[in-house]
Amino acid sequence: MANPNLKENKFKRFFAVLSRGIIKKVSPVTYVKMQYRYITHHPLDLKSPTRYTEKLQYLRLFVYPKDPLVSKCAGRVGVREYLKSLGHEDLLVPVLGIYDRFEDIDFDALPNAFVLKTTHSSQWNMLVRDKSKLDIEEARKNFHKWLSKDYGKWTMERHYSPIKPQIIIEEFLGDTVTLPTEYKIHVYNGKAKNLYVVTGRGTDIRYTQLYIDWTPFDGSQFNGWKKADVTPPCPPDWDKMVALAEELCKPFPFVRADFYEVDGKIYFSEMTFTPAKGTLILDDDRCDYEMGAWLDISKYLKK
């Protein structure tokens, strides 16, 4: 049963939207505390955090913005350099171009299907299944708007702020009808503990939460997302994928590493350091503490 806290008070939201810009500027910590309380309905303890979602807020505010490697790996260009430095260039989705301006893109030279992404965010993307149907003017407006925004400032995930805003164009993986399954592996202090599998992307999207041994972790479903009717099959190279996630994520207290497997080949997608800004409404509140116990941030806590 989904968490009843998913129901939102529209009156409270109206005033929250009006005031959030001012609070962000005056006190980012106060803003994050209020945002966390508003979304999760829990007070935020930053002095002795025990919940997974509380620890993510601590990392979001005080740790990740100060770590250049986090900013590098949060960016779509920087993380490619990071993988290459570790000898894993073979995991990267082939790139068709990187541009500072939308106007510099030669669409005639691109294949019929491709993916446009901003380099400095985790949200602003565009899947192009058929180039002949792409509204280039609409795309231009979107990317102008996205490139002009400081994503880190907008979301209060300041580790994104140092990333140079650019457009990266990737090859389209798989066929254009059925998008590939995505495996989002959560790594705590270098150890993969759980994941969720994203299926039905572009049609009937589902998010299935699992422990790393592929057994159900249903209580960690969050934000009202629905799981698949049947647990997706474990990919053939699952052990290899987990080992890669742990290797890539070793320098960080927590990060989620995302992968695809297409035609028997593993591809790396991205790293996310504060999933959903850490403001997750879990189906079972006990899972917040269970995941919190996996994440040790004691060396980062202010004395």
Protein backbone atom coordinates (compact mmCIF):
# COMPACT_ATOMS: atom_id res chain seq x y z
CA MET A 1 0.00 0.00 0.00
CA ALA A 2 1.38 3.39 -1.01
CA ASN A 3 2.36 5.88 1.67
CA PRO A 4 -0.61 8.15 2.55
CA ASN A 5 1.79 11.13 2.62
CA LEU A 6 1.65 11.13 -1.17
CA LYS A 7 -1.51 13.22 -0.93
CA GLU A 8 -0.54 16.86 -1.35
CA ASN A 9 -2.18 19.88 0.24
CA LYS A 10 -2.68 22.27 -2.71
CA PHE A 11 -3.13 25.26 -0.41
CA LYS A 12 0.21 24.61 1.29
CA ARG A 13 1.88 24.04 -2.07
CA PHE A 14 0.69 27.45 -3.34
CA PHE A 15 2.41 29.27 -0.48
CA ALA A 16 5.48 27.02 -0.67
CA VAL A 17 5.97 27.93 -4.33
CA LEU A 18 5.59 31.64 -3.57
CA SER A 19 8.19 31.65 -0.80
CA ARG A 20 10.79 29.12 -1.92
CA GLY A 21 12.88 31.53 -4.02
CA ILE A 22 13.42 33.92 -1.13
CA ILE A 23 14.19 31.16 1.37
CA LYS A 24 16.72 29.58 -1.01
CA LYS A 25 18.68 32.83 -1.13
CA VAL A 26 18.46 33.66 2.58
CA SER A 27 19.19 30.20 3.99
CA PRO A 28 19.75 27.09 1.82
CA VAL A 29 19.75 24.89 4.93
CA THR A 30 16.37 26.23 6.03
CA TYR A 31 15.03 25.72 2.52
CA VAL A 32 16.18 22.08 2.42
CA LYS A 33 14.73 21.45 5.89
CA MET A 34 11.39 22.91 4.85
CA GLN A 35 11.38 21.07 1.52
CA TYR A 36 12.20 17.78 3.22
CA ARG A 37 9.46 18.26 5.83
CA TYR A 38 6.94 19.39 3.23
CA ILE A 39 7.53 16.38 0.93
CA THR A 40 8.32 13.54 3.35
CA HIS A 41 6.33 14.81 6.37
CA HIS A 42 9.35 14.07 8.59
CA PRO A 43 11.51 16.62 10.43
CA LEU A 44 15.07 16.71 9.11
CA ASP A 45 17.79 15.87 11.64
CA LEU A 46 21.12 17.09 10.28
CA LYS A 47 23.02 16.70 13.55
CA SER A 48 22.50 12.95 13.99
CA PRO A 49 20.90 11.71 10.76
CA THR A 50 19.77 8.09 10.78
CA ARG A 51 17.39 7.84 7.85
CA TYR A 52 18.74 7.23 4.33
CA THR A 53 16.85 10.31 3.15
CA GLU A 54 18.32 12.41 5.99
CA LYS A 55 21.84 11.34 5.16
CA LEU A 56 21.27 12.23 1.51
CA GLN A 57 20.26 15.74 2.64
CA TYR A 58 23.47 16.05 4.65
CA LEU A 59 25.55 15.00 1.65
CA ARG A 60 23.50 17.30 -0.58
CA LEU A 61 24.16 20.34 1.62
CA PHE A 62 27.60 19.91 3.14
CA VAL A 63 29.65 17.27 1.33
CA TYR A 64 28.97 16.87 -2.36
CA PRO A 65 29.11 20.60 -3.29
CA LYS A 66 32.72 20.65 -2.00
CA ASP A 67 33.91 17.55 -3.89
CA PRO A 68 35.20 18.28 -7.44
CA LEU A 69 35.05 14.58 -8.34
CA VAL A 70 31.33 14.51 -7.50
CA SER A 71 30.71 17.47 -9.82
CA LYS A 72 32.82 15.82 -12.52
CA CYS A 73 30.89 12.56 -12.31
CA ALA A 74 27.50 14.26 -12.07
CA GLY A 75 28.17 15.85 -15.48
CA ARG A 76 27.63 13.90 -18.68
CA VAL A 77 30.97 14.91 -20.18
CA GLY A 78 33.00 14.69 -16.97
CA VAL A 79 31.76 11.21 -16.10
CA ARG A 80 32.88 9.98 -19.52
CA GLU A 81 36.38 11.24 -18.75
CA TYR A 82 36.19 9.49 -15.37
CA LEU A 83 35.26 6.14 -16.93
CA LYS A 84 38.02 6.49 -19.53
CA SER A 85 40.55 7.14 -16.74
CA LEU A 86 39.54 3.79 -15.20
CA GLY A 87 39.85 1.94 -18.50
CA HIS A 88 36.11 1.57 -19.07
CA GLU A 89 35.66 3.51 -22.30
CA ASP A 90 33.96 0.41 -23.73
CA LEU A 91 30.97 1.01 -21.40
CA LEU A 92 30.19 4.45 -22.84
CA VAL A 93 27.29 5.12 -25.19
CA PRO A 94 28.79 6.42 -28.47
CA VAL A 95 28.58 10.21 -28.79
CA LEU A 96 27.61 12.00 -32.01
CA GLY A 97 28.67 15.46 -30.85
CA ILE A 98 29.04 17.91 -27.96
CA TYR A 99 27.94 21.52 -28.49
CA ASP A 100 27.96 24.80 -26.60
CA ARG A 101 25.03 26.14 -28.66
CA PHE A 102 21.97 24.50 -30.16
CA GLU A 103 22.57 26.44 -33.41
CA ASP A 104 25.88 24.62 -33.94
CA ILE A 105 24.15 21.24 -34.39
CA ASP A 106 24.07 19.97 -37.98
CA PHE A 107 20.87 17.94 -37.90
CA ASP A 108 21.32 16.83 -41.52
CA ALA A 109 24.45 14.95 -40.48
CA LEU A 110 22.71 13.09 -37.65
CA PRO A 111 21.10 9.64 -38.02
CA ASN A 112 17.33 9.23 -37.95
CA ALA A 113 17.27 8.45 -34.21
CA PHE A 114 19.41 9.95 -31.43
CA VAL A 115 19.23 11.40 -27.92
CA LEU A 116 19.80 15.07 -26.99
CA LYS A 117 20.86 15.77 -23.41
CA THR A 118 22.11 18.69 -21.39
CA THR A 119 25.44 17.98 -19.70
CA HIS A 120 24.72 19.79 -16.41
CA SER A 121 21.44 18.23 -15.26
CA SER A 122 19.73 14.91 -14.73
CA GLN A 123 16.38 15.84 -16.27
CA TRP A 124 16.64 17.93 -19.42
CA ASN A 125 16.75 15.39 -22.24
CA MET A 126 15.02 14.73 -25.54
CA LEU A 127 14.59 11.33 -27.23
CA VAL A 128 14.37 11.62 -31.01
CA ARG A 129 12.94 8.44 -32.50
CA ASP A 130 12.30 9.92 -35.96
CA LYS A 131 14.26 12.99 -37.03
CA SER A 132 11.67 13.92 -39.65
CA LYS A 133 9.13 14.48 -36.86
CA LEU A 134 11.40 16.61 -34.67
CA ASP A 135 10.15 20.15 -34.10
CA ILE A 136 13.55 21.84 -34.26
CA GLU A 137 12.22 25.23 -33.23
CA GLU A 138 10.56 23.79 -30.14
CA ALA A 139 13.74 21.88 -29.32
CA ARG A 140 15.78 25.06 -29.76
CA LYS A 141 13.55 26.94 -27.31
CA ASN A 142 13.82 24.15 -24.74
CA PHE A 143 17.59 23.89 -24.94
CA HIS A 144 18.06 27.66 -24.83
CA LYS A 145 16.04 27.69 -21.63
CA TRP A 146 17.82 24.69 -20.14
CA LEU A 147 21.34 25.87 -20.98
CA SER A 148 20.65 29.26 -19.39
CA LYS A 149 19.74 27.71 -16.02
CA ASP A 150 22.03 26.80 -13.14
CA TYR A 151 20.52 23.39 -12.46
CA GLY A 152 22.34 23.06 -9.15
CA LYS A 153 21.00 26.36 -7.89
CA TRP A 154 17.50 25.58 -9.14
CA THR A 155 17.31 22.18 -7.38
CA MET A 156 19.62 23.05 -4.45
CA GLU A 157 21.93 20.24 -5.53
CA ARG A 158 24.93 22.52 -5.78
CA HIS A 159 27.32 19.82 -6.96
CA TYR A 160 25.77 20.40 -10.41
CA SER A 161 26.59 24.11 -10.45
CA PRO A 162 30.28 23.87 -11.57
CA ILE A 163 29.36 21.76 -14.63
CA LYS A 164 29.60 23.58 -17.96
CA PRO A 165 26.17 23.67 -19.66
CA GLN A 166 26.43 21.97 -23.04
CA ILE A 167 24.43 19.70 -25.32
CA ILE A 168 25.62 16.12 -25.78
CA ILE A 169 24.12 13.94 -28.51
CA GLU A 170 24.25 10.19 -27.98
CA GLU A 171 23.44 7.28 -30.23
CA PHE A 172 19.97 5.79 -29.72
CA LEU A 173 20.39 2.41 -28.01
CA GLY A 174 18.22 -0.49 -29.11
CA ASP A 175 15.19 -0.06 -31.32
CA THR A 176 13.04 3.06 -31.29
CA VAL A 177 9.88 1.23 -30.22
CA THR A 178 10.99 -0.62 -27.08
CA LEU A 179 13.48 1.38 -25.03
CA PRO A 180 16.11 -0.70 -23.21
CA THR A 181 15.62 -1.75 -19.60
CA GLU A 182 17.61 0.37 -17.13
CA TYR A 183 19.30 -0.96 -13.99
CA LYS A 184 19.81 1.66 -11.26
CA ILE A 185 22.28 0.30 -8.71
CA HIS A 186 22.62 1.99 -5.31
CA VAL A 187 26.13 1.85 -3.85
CA TYR A 188 26.77 2.68 -0.17
CA ASN A 189 30.40 3.19 0.90
CA GLY A 190 31.54 1.13 -2.07
CA LYS A 191 29.05 -1.70 -1.60
CA ALA A 192 26.03 -2.28 -3.86
CA LYS A 193 22.98 -3.06 -1.71
CA ASN A 194 19.83 -2.47 -3.75
CA LEU A 195 18.53 -1.32 -7.11
CA TYR A 196 15.46 -0.61 -9.10
CA VAL A 197 14.75 -1.83 -12.60
CA VAL A 198 13.02 0.52 -15.04
CA THR A 199 10.92 -1.26 -17.65
CA GLY A 200 8.30 -0.13 -20.14
CA ARG A 201 10.06 3.18 -20.75
CA GLY A 202 8.05 5.25 -23.23
CA THR A 203 4.94 3.07 -22.92
CA ASP A 204 3.89 1.74 -19.50
CA ILE A 205 6.85 2.64 -17.30
CA ARG A 206 7.40 0.59 -14.13
CA TYR A 207 9.97 0.74 -11.34
CA THR A 208 10.71 -2.53 -9.55
CA GLN A 209 12.67 -2.28 -6.30
CA LEU A 210 15.02 -5.16 -5.45
CA TYR A 211 17.81 -6.09 -3.10
CA ILE A 212 21.12 -6.62 -4.89
CA ASP A 213 20.53 -10.42 -4.82
CA TRP A 214 17.41 -9.81 -6.95
CA THR A 215 14.91 -10.52 -4.16
CA PRO A 216 11.98 -8.06 -3.72
CA PHE A 217 12.50 -4.86 -1.74
CA ASP A 218 8.91 -3.67 -2.10
CA GLY A 219 8.84 -1.31 0.86
CA SER A 220 11.42 0.88 -0.82
CA GLN A 221 9.03 1.76 -3.65
CA PHE A 222 8.76 5.52 -3.54
CA ASN A 223 6.73 8.51 -4.71
CA GLY A 224 3.83 6.35 -5.83
CA TRP A 225 5.71 4.64 -8.63
CA LYS A 226 4.28 1.30 -9.72
CA LYS A 227 6.35 -1.87 -9.94
CA ALA A 228 6.16 -4.36 -12.79
CA ASP A 229 3.43 -6.98 -12.59
CA VAL A 230 6.13 -9.66 -12.80
CA THR A 231 9.69 -9.19 -11.53
CA PRO A 232 11.94 -8.45 -14.54
CA PRO A 233 14.51 -11.16 -15.32
CA CYS A 234 18.03 -10.73 -13.97
CA PRO A 235 20.38 -9.83 -16.84
CA PRO A 236 22.98 -12.47 -17.81
CA ASP A 237 25.93 -10.27 -16.83
CA TRP A 238 24.44 -9.08 -13.53
CA ASP A 239 27.46 -9.94 -11.41
CA LYS A 240 29.72 -8.03 -13.80
CA MET A 241 27.37 -5.03 -13.72
CA VAL A 242 27.39 -4.98 -9.92
CA ALA A 243 31.18 -5.22 -9.82
CA LEU A 244 31.45 -2.32 -12.25
CA ALA A 245 29.06 -0.22 -10.16
CA GLU A 246 31.09 -0.84 -7.03
CA GLU A 247 34.34 0.02 -8.80
CA LEU A 248 33.00 3.25 -10.29
CA CYS A 249 31.33 4.35 -7.06
CA LYS A 250 34.13 3.45 -4.66
CA PRO A 251 35.34 7.04 -4.00
CA PHE A 252 31.93 8.24 -2.79
CA PRO A 253 29.86 7.61 0.36
CA PHE A 254 26.75 7.13 -1.78
CA VAL A 255 25.91 7.22 -5.46
CA ARG A 256 23.50 5.48 -7.80
CA ALA A 257 25.06 4.11 -10.98
CA ASP A 258 22.76 3.40 -13.93
CA PHE A 259 23.34 0.84 -16.67
CA TYR A 260 21.69 -0.70 -19.73
CA GLU A 261 22.29 -4.09 -21.29
CA VAL A 262 21.59 -4.13 -25.03
CA ASP A 263 22.22 -7.18 -27.22
CA GLY A 264 24.43 -8.71 -24.55
CA LYS A 265 26.56 -5.57 -24.07
CA ILE A 266 26.64 -3.44 -20.90
CA TYR A 267 26.40 0.34 -21.30
CA PHE A 268 26.88 2.93 -18.58
CA SER A 269 24.21 5.64 -18.37
CA GLU A 270 24.92 8.10 -15.53
CA MET A 271 25.68 8.67 -11.86
CA THR A 272 23.16 10.28 -9.53
CA PHE A 273 24.37 11.41 -6.12
CA THR A 274 21.13 12.66 -4.59
CA PRO A 275 18.25 10.74 -6.23
CA ALA A 276 15.07 12.84 -6.32
CA LYS A 277 17.02 15.33 -4.16
CA GLY A 278 16.76 12.74 -1.37
CA THR A 279 13.14 13.71 -0.76
CA LEU A 280 11.67 10.23 -1.20
CA ILE A 281 8.29 9.12 0.13
CA LEU A 282 8.84 5.40 0.73
CA ASP A 283 5.97 2.92 0.84
CA ASP A 284 7.37 1.50 4.09
CA ASP A 285 9.06 3.97 6.43
CA ARG A 286 11.18 1.18 7.93
CA CYS A 287 13.11 0.94 4.65
CA ASP A 288 14.33 4.51 5.17
CA TYR A 289 16.09 3.35 8.34
CA GLU A 290 17.26 0.09 6.75
CA MET A 291 18.99 1.93 3.91
CA GLY A 292 20.20 4.55 6.36
CA ALA A 293 22.03 1.83 8.29
CA TRP A 294 23.88 0.88 5.11
CA LEU A 295 25.23 4.41 4.62
CA ASP A 296 28.02 5.53 6.94
CA ILE A 297 28.66 9.28 6.78
CA SER A 298 30.14 9.57 10.29
CA LYS A 299 33.47 10.95 9.06
CA TYR A 300 31.66 13.81 7.30
CA LEU A 301 29.49 14.91 10.23
CA LYS A 302 30.34 18.22 11.82
CA LYS A 303 31.65 17.85 15.34
